[in-house]
Amino acid sequence: MNITILGAGAWGTALAMSLADRHAVVLWGRDAAAIHSAKKSRENAAYLPGFRLPDSLSLSSDFSAAIAHVGKDGLLVVATSLAGLRPLAEQLKVHAIPNIVWLCKGFEADTHFLPHQIVREVLGDDIPAGALSGPSFAQEVAQGLPCALAIASDSATLRELVVAAVHGPSIRIYSTDDLIGVEVGGAVKNILAIATGVIDGLKLGLNARAALITRGLVEITRFGVALGGRSETFMGLAGMGDLILTCTGDLSRNRKVGLGLAQGKKLEQIVTELGHVAEGVRCAQAVRALADKHGIDMPITKAVAAVLFDGDSPMDMVDSILARDARNETA
């Protein structure tokens, strides 16, 4: 199958590496100099250093050629950050594309749109579209270590295409038509990972971590169902699975944000040190605004947003959560 991956960051590169031994894969990046360097060295030194790119993987900075490679029956995968999704979709308007799948997670800052809402607004409803999500660190995928992902789309044909393309020796693919649920799970878990990083950075113990992750899953489910997702989705890969990985894995950028905040670092310093996007920071403000708009109770999310944007201290976050009245667990 012909597959084009748009975005040569860590995750896009890792997925391209995983698929290149079974398909004709083109990895596109907008930075021509970086792509040229990667072609010569067979390494994405900026985003995935230490991993050799397969000889079978093609790299390109020619956008039109990369899109043309997909043809009528191939697969187009967008691996940009969420902030890059709309500009890239605008570029795609003048091209004939058979389908589109995205890897990015979050809510758009200005509109508070989920990725599928952005794609539909720009490209319309006629192109089969979906989200590929789930617990997956790029470094482990690049190593060929096993993982499981979910493809979410209201198009059964697209779901079948993605399963045929991606399901393989090291990646297992499950499918669902709950696009909203999968996208919400992938977005909000990043905020909870920041909170977990704060808890761990303050050395409040494993009991506190387990409680926060569990109650965080309740928040994600409550929020996702209010937006139109199904509750069972949040017990799956894009919900509980991604939440556990991002909250506890040492490779998690969002967890590192929380750890840095607990150490007294300023947000700007933490983001600079990371050198990569931590989507939970961008997402927290949008989710807080949506929760207020819809009257959804999300105390952990709001406490994280208060630390990130309102000047609260990490200990203020903890105190605000602990000060809440007792309640029925399933309420």
Protein backbone atom coordinates (compact mmCIF):
# COMPACT_ATOMS: atom_id res chain seq x y z
CA MET A 1 0.00 0.00 0.00
CA ASN A 2 1.16 3.56 -0.71
CA ILE A 3 1.30 5.56 2.51
CA THR A 4 2.29 9.19 3.03
CA ILE A 5 2.95 10.52 6.52
CA LEU A 6 2.86 14.31 6.79
CA GLY A 7 5.06 15.49 9.64
CA ALA A 8 8.56 14.28 10.42
CA GLY A 9 8.42 14.65 14.19
CA ALA A 10 9.11 11.79 16.57
CA TRP A 11 5.76 10.02 16.25
CA GLY A 12 5.43 10.44 12.50
CA THR A 13 8.98 9.17 12.02
CA ALA A 14 8.46 6.20 14.33
CA LEU A 15 5.26 5.14 12.56
CA ALA A 16 6.94 5.53 9.17
CA MET A 17 9.79 3.31 10.34
CA SER A 18 7.35 0.69 11.56
CA LEU A 19 5.42 0.58 8.28
CA ALA A 20 8.29 0.90 5.79
CA ASP A 21 9.13 -2.79 5.70
CA ARG A 22 5.59 -3.69 4.54
CA HIS A 23 4.47 -0.68 2.49
CA ALA A 24 5.75 2.03 0.15
CA VAL A 25 6.04 4.84 2.72
CA VAL A 26 6.91 8.50 2.14
CA LEU A 27 7.69 10.65 5.18
CA TRP A 28 7.23 14.34 4.43
CA GLY A 29 8.69 17.23 6.41
CA ARG A 30 8.45 20.94 5.67
CA ASP A 31 12.09 21.64 6.64
CA ALA A 32 13.96 20.86 3.40
CA ALA A 33 17.39 21.09 5.05
CA ALA A 34 16.40 18.68 7.82
CA ILE A 35 14.93 16.22 5.33
CA HIS A 36 18.08 16.41 3.20
CA SER A 37 20.21 15.74 6.27
CA ALA A 38 18.04 12.79 7.29
CA LYS A 39 18.34 11.32 3.80
CA LYS A 40 22.12 11.44 4.00
CA SER A 41 22.53 10.25 7.59
CA ARG A 42 19.46 7.96 7.68
CA GLU A 43 18.58 9.46 11.04
CA ASN A 44 16.06 12.05 12.26
CA ALA A 45 18.56 13.68 14.57
CA ALA A 46 16.23 16.46 15.71
CA TYR A 47 13.26 14.37 16.84
CA LEU A 48 14.28 10.72 17.03
CA PRO A 49 18.06 10.56 17.48
CA GLY A 50 19.78 7.22 17.72
CA PHE A 51 17.41 5.32 15.43
CA ARG A 52 18.45 4.38 11.90
CA LEU A 53 15.81 5.03 9.26
CA PRO A 54 15.10 1.97 7.09
CA ASP A 55 16.56 2.12 3.60
CA SER A 56 13.07 1.39 2.26
CA LEU A 57 11.66 4.60 3.79
CA SER A 58 11.49 7.55 1.39
CA LEU A 59 11.84 11.10 2.71
CA SER A 60 10.60 14.21 0.94
CA SER A 61 10.05 17.93 1.45
CA ASP A 62 8.01 18.16 -1.78
CA PHE A 63 4.42 18.45 -0.55
CA SER A 64 2.69 17.86 -3.89
CA ALA A 65 4.80 14.82 -4.69
CA ALA A 66 4.16 13.37 -1.23
CA ILE A 67 0.40 13.75 -1.68
CA ALA A 68 0.50 12.32 -5.19
CA HIS A 69 2.24 9.22 -3.81
CA VAL A 70 -0.95 8.25 -1.95
CA GLY A 71 -2.88 7.78 -5.19
CA LYS A 72 -6.50 6.63 -5.13
CA ASP A 73 -6.17 3.67 -2.80
CA GLY A 74 -3.42 4.62 -0.36
CA LEU A 75 -3.42 6.12 3.10
CA LEU A 76 -2.67 9.70 4.13
CA VAL A 77 -1.54 10.18 7.74
CA VAL A 78 -1.15 13.60 9.37
CA ALA A 79 1.50 13.56 12.11
CA THR A 80 1.77 17.27 12.88
CA SER A 81 0.99 18.85 16.24
CA LEU A 82 -2.63 19.90 16.73
CA ALA A 83 -1.64 23.51 16.05
CA GLY A 84 -0.34 22.41 12.66
CA LEU A 85 -3.47 20.48 11.65
CA ARG A 86 -5.53 23.39 10.32
CA PRO A 87 -2.72 24.96 8.22
CA LEU A 88 -1.93 21.56 6.74
CA ALA A 89 -5.60 20.85 6.00
CA GLU A 90 -5.76 24.20 4.19
CA GLN A 91 -2.84 23.04 2.02
CA LEU A 92 -4.69 19.83 1.23
CA LYS A 93 -7.78 21.64 -0.11
CA VAL A 94 -6.30 21.93 -3.58
CA HIS A 95 -5.33 18.25 -3.74
CA ALA A 96 -7.43 15.19 -4.44
CA ILE A 97 -6.99 12.95 -1.40
CA PRO A 98 -8.75 9.61 -0.85
CA ASN A 99 -8.81 9.78 2.95
CA ILE A 100 -7.10 11.35 5.95
CA VAL A 101 -6.05 10.02 9.36
CA TRP A 102 -4.42 12.11 12.10
CA LEU A 103 -2.22 11.29 15.08
CA CYS A 104 -2.47 14.66 16.89
CA LYS A 105 -4.42 15.04 20.14
CA GLY A 106 -5.99 18.02 21.86
CA PHE A 107 -8.39 20.92 21.41
CA GLU A 108 -7.67 23.87 19.12
CA ALA A 109 -6.77 26.93 21.21
CA ASP A 110 -9.08 29.52 19.63
CA THR A 111 -12.07 27.46 18.53
CA HIS A 112 -11.86 24.65 21.14
CA PHE A 113 -12.42 22.24 18.24
CA LEU A 114 -11.39 18.61 18.33
CA PRO A 115 -9.27 17.45 15.37
CA HIS A 116 -12.19 15.97 13.44
CA GLN A 117 -14.07 19.27 13.69
CA ILE A 118 -11.09 21.11 12.22
CA VAL A 119 -10.78 18.63 9.36
CA ARG A 120 -14.48 18.73 8.55
CA GLU A 121 -14.61 22.51 8.65
CA VAL A 122 -11.70 22.82 6.21
CA LEU A 123 -12.09 19.75 3.98
CA GLY A 124 -15.80 18.98 4.29
CA ASP A 125 -17.63 15.80 5.25
CA ASP A 126 -17.10 13.77 2.07
CA ILE A 127 -13.51 12.60 2.68
CA PRO A 128 -13.26 9.50 4.90
CA ALA A 129 -11.46 10.70 8.03
CA GLY A 130 -10.39 9.35 11.39
CA ALA A 131 -8.08 9.44 14.39
CA LEU A 132 -5.36 6.91 15.18
CA SER A 133 -4.78 7.06 18.92
CA GLY A 134 -3.78 5.07 21.97
CA PRO A 135 -0.89 4.46 24.38
CA SER A 136 2.26 4.82 22.29
CA PHE A 137 5.65 6.40 22.93
CA ALA A 138 7.48 7.11 19.68
CA GLN A 139 10.80 5.76 20.95
CA GLU A 140 9.28 2.36 21.73
CA VAL A 141 7.49 2.15 18.38
CA ALA A 142 10.79 2.99 16.65
CA GLN A 143 12.42 0.13 18.57
CA GLY A 144 9.77 -2.26 17.29
CA LEU A 145 8.38 -2.89 20.77
CA PRO A 146 4.73 -4.00 20.89
CA CYS A 147 1.84 -1.56 21.28
CA ALA A 148 -1.88 -1.38 20.59
CA LEU A 149 -3.78 1.52 19.00
CA ALA A 150 -7.37 2.40 18.14
CA ILE A 151 -8.57 3.73 14.80
CA ALA A 152 -11.72 5.79 15.22
CA SER A 153 -13.87 6.83 12.27
CA ASP A 154 -17.50 6.84 11.21
CA SER A 155 -16.30 5.29 7.94
CA ALA A 156 -16.09 1.50 8.13
CA THR A 157 -14.10 1.50 4.88
CA LEU A 158 -11.46 3.78 6.37
CA ARG A 159 -11.25 1.71 9.54
CA GLU A 160 -10.66 -1.41 7.46
CA LEU A 161 -7.99 0.38 5.40
CA VAL A 162 -6.09 1.52 8.50
CA VAL A 163 -6.24 -1.94 10.05
CA ALA A 164 -4.89 -3.43 6.83
CA ALA A 165 -2.10 -0.85 6.68
CA VAL A 166 -0.96 -0.60 10.29
CA HIS A 167 -1.85 -3.87 12.01
CA GLY A 168 1.30 -5.97 12.02
CA PRO A 169 3.90 -7.85 14.02
CA SER A 170 4.45 -5.13 16.63
CA ILE A 171 1.34 -2.93 16.35
CA ARG A 172 -2.14 -4.27 17.06
CA ILE A 173 -5.06 -2.15 15.82
CA TYR A 174 -8.56 -2.07 17.26
CA SER A 175 -11.37 -0.13 15.58
CA THR A 176 -14.29 1.95 16.79
CA ASP A 177 -16.79 4.43 15.39
CA ASP A 178 -16.64 6.60 18.54
CA LEU A 179 -14.48 9.36 17.10
CA ILE A 180 -15.41 11.92 19.76
CA GLY A 181 -14.65 9.55 22.61
CA VAL A 182 -11.26 8.58 21.24
CA GLU A 183 -10.27 12.21 20.61
CA VAL A 184 -11.42 13.39 24.03
CA GLY A 185 -9.53 10.60 25.77
CA GLY A 186 -6.36 11.42 23.87
CA ALA A 187 -6.66 15.11 24.69
CA VAL A 188 -7.63 15.23 28.35
CA LYS A 189 -5.20 12.53 29.52
CA ASN A 190 -2.35 14.97 28.84
CA ILE A 191 -3.75 17.37 31.45
CA LEU A 192 -3.99 14.55 33.98
CA ALA A 193 -0.39 13.60 33.22
CA ILE A 194 0.70 17.09 34.25
CA ALA A 195 -1.22 16.65 37.51
CA THR A 196 0.40 13.26 38.11
CA GLY A 197 3.83 14.77 37.49
CA VAL A 198 3.07 17.35 40.17
CA ILE A 199 2.00 14.64 42.62
CA ASP A 200 5.16 12.62 41.98
CA GLY A 201 7.38 15.69 42.00
CA LEU A 202 6.04 16.68 45.41
CA LYS A 203 6.69 13.10 46.60
CA LEU A 204 3.13 12.59 47.79
CA GLY A 205 3.30 8.85 47.27
CA LEU A 206 1.96 6.05 45.11
CA ASN A 207 -1.41 6.06 46.89
CA ALA A 208 -1.95 9.66 45.83
CA ARG A 209 -0.85 8.90 42.28
CA ALA A 210 -3.30 5.99 41.99
CA ALA A 211 -6.13 8.10 43.38
CA LEU A 212 -5.43 10.96 40.99
CA ILE A 213 -5.27 8.72 37.92
CA THR A 214 -8.50 6.97 38.92
CA ARG A 215 -10.40 10.19 39.57
CA GLY A 216 -8.85 11.64 36.43
CA LEU A 217 -10.41 8.83 34.41
CA VAL A 218 -13.76 9.78 35.94
CA GLU A 219 -13.22 13.36 34.75
CA ILE A 220 -12.31 12.25 31.24
CA THR A 221 -15.38 10.02 31.04
CA ARG A 222 -17.73 12.68 32.42
CA PHE A 223 -16.38 15.25 29.98
CA GLY A 224 -16.33 12.92 26.99
CA VAL A 225 -19.88 11.67 27.46
CA ALA A 226 -21.10 15.27 27.77
CA LEU A 227 -19.50 16.04 24.40
CA GLY A 228 -21.03 13.01 22.72
CA GLY A 229 -18.61 10.15 23.35
CA ARG A 230 -19.53 6.73 24.76
CA SER A 231 -18.52 5.79 28.31
CA GLU A 232 -17.09 2.41 27.31
CA THR A 233 -14.55 4.10 25.04
CA PHE A 234 -12.84 5.59 28.07
CA MET A 235 -12.19 2.10 29.47
CA GLY A 236 -10.22 1.29 26.33
CA LEU A 237 -6.93 2.14 24.68
CA ALA A 238 -7.60 5.81 23.97
CA GLY A 239 -8.97 6.34 27.49
CA MET A 240 -7.56 4.29 30.34
CA GLY A 241 -4.68 2.90 28.28
CA ASP A 242 -3.34 6.26 27.14
CA LEU A 243 -4.00 7.79 30.57
CA ILE A 244 -1.93 5.16 32.40
CA LEU A 245 0.96 5.43 29.96
CA THR A 246 1.12 9.21 29.89
CA CYS A 247 0.75 9.59 33.66
CA THR A 248 3.34 7.00 34.65
CA GLY A 249 5.81 6.68 31.77
CA ASP A 250 9.14 8.47 32.10
CA LEU A 251 9.05 9.35 28.38
CA SER A 252 5.88 11.42 28.84
CA ARG A 253 6.45 15.11 28.06
CA ASN A 254 3.31 16.14 29.93
CA ARG A 255 4.38 14.26 33.04
CA LYS A 256 7.73 16.07 32.80
CA VAL A 257 5.87 19.40 32.82
CA GLY A 258 4.28 18.45 36.13
CA LEU A 259 7.57 17.30 37.57
CA GLY A 260 9.15 20.61 36.58
CA LEU A 261 6.34 22.62 38.13
CA ALA A 262 6.75 20.69 41.39
CA GLN A 263 10.45 21.63 41.36
CA GLY A 264 9.51 25.30 41.23
CA LYS A 265 10.42 25.86 37.59
CA LYS A 266 8.53 28.37 35.45
CA LEU A 267 6.40 26.98 32.63
CA GLU A 268 8.45 28.81 29.99
CA GLN A 269 11.66 27.21 31.29
CA ILE A 270 10.10 23.74 31.31
CA VAL A 271 8.81 24.04 27.73
CA THR A 272 12.20 25.30 26.54
CA GLU A 273 13.99 22.41 28.21
CA LEU A 274 11.61 19.87 26.68
CA GLY A 275 12.22 21.14 23.16
CA HIS A 276 8.98 19.47 22.04
CA VAL A 277 5.28 20.24 22.30
CA ALA A 278 3.53 19.18 25.52
CA GLU A 279 -0.08 19.23 24.35
CA GLY A 280 -1.50 19.18 27.88
CA VAL A 281 -0.39 22.78 28.39
CA ARG A 282 -2.26 23.98 25.31
CA CYS A 283 -5.21 21.75 26.07
CA ALA A 284 -5.83 22.71 29.70
CA GLN A 285 -7.23 26.16 28.99
CA ALA A 286 -9.56 24.91 26.25
CA VAL A 287 -10.88 22.03 28.35
CA ARG A 288 -11.45 24.31 31.34
CA ALA A 289 -13.42 26.71 29.14
CA LEU A 290 -15.53 23.91 27.66
CA ALA A 291 -16.17 22.42 31.10
CA ASP A 292 -17.39 25.81 32.34
CA LYS A 293 -19.54 26.29 29.24
CA HIS A 294 -21.24 22.91 29.62
CA GLY A 295 -21.35 22.85 33.43
CA ILE A 296 -19.08 19.79 33.74
CA ASP A 297 -17.39 19.11 37.07
CA MET A 298 -13.64 18.73 36.42
CA PRO A 299 -11.75 19.68 39.59
CA ILE A 300 -8.38 18.20 38.65
CA THR A 301 -8.35 19.78 35.22
CA LYS A 302 -9.32 23.16 36.61
CA ALA A 303 -6.67 22.91 39.33
CA VAL A 304 -3.99 22.16 36.72
CA ALA A 305 -5.12 25.10 34.58
CA ALA A 306 -4.94 27.36 37.63
CA VAL A 307 -1.27 26.38 38.14
CA LEU A 308 -0.43 26.83 34.47
CA PHE A 309 -2.23 30.12 33.85
CA ASP A 310 -3.49 31.73 37.07
CA GLY A 311 -0.42 31.76 39.27
CA ASP A 312 -1.44 28.99 41.69
CA SER A 313 1.36 26.93 43.16
CA PRO A 314 1.58 23.13 42.73
CA MET A 315 0.67 22.73 46.41
CA ASP A 316 -2.38 24.95 45.82
CA MET A 317 -3.45 22.40 43.21
CA VAL A 318 -3.18 19.57 45.71
CA ASP A 319 -4.96 21.52 48.45
CA SER A 320 -7.86 22.45 46.17
CA ILE A 321 -8.44 18.80 45.29
CA LEU A 322 -8.12 17.53 48.87
CA ALA A 323 -10.45 20.23 50.19
CA ARG A 324 -13.41 18.95 48.18
CA ASP A 325 -16.35 17.47 50.10
CA ALA A 326 -16.83 13.72 50.25
CA ARG A 327 -19.15 12.32 47.62
CA ASN A 328 -20.54 9.14 46.10
CA GLU A 329 -17.81 7.61 43.94
CA THR A 330 -20.09 7.05 40.97
CA ALA A 331 -21.66 10.51 41.10
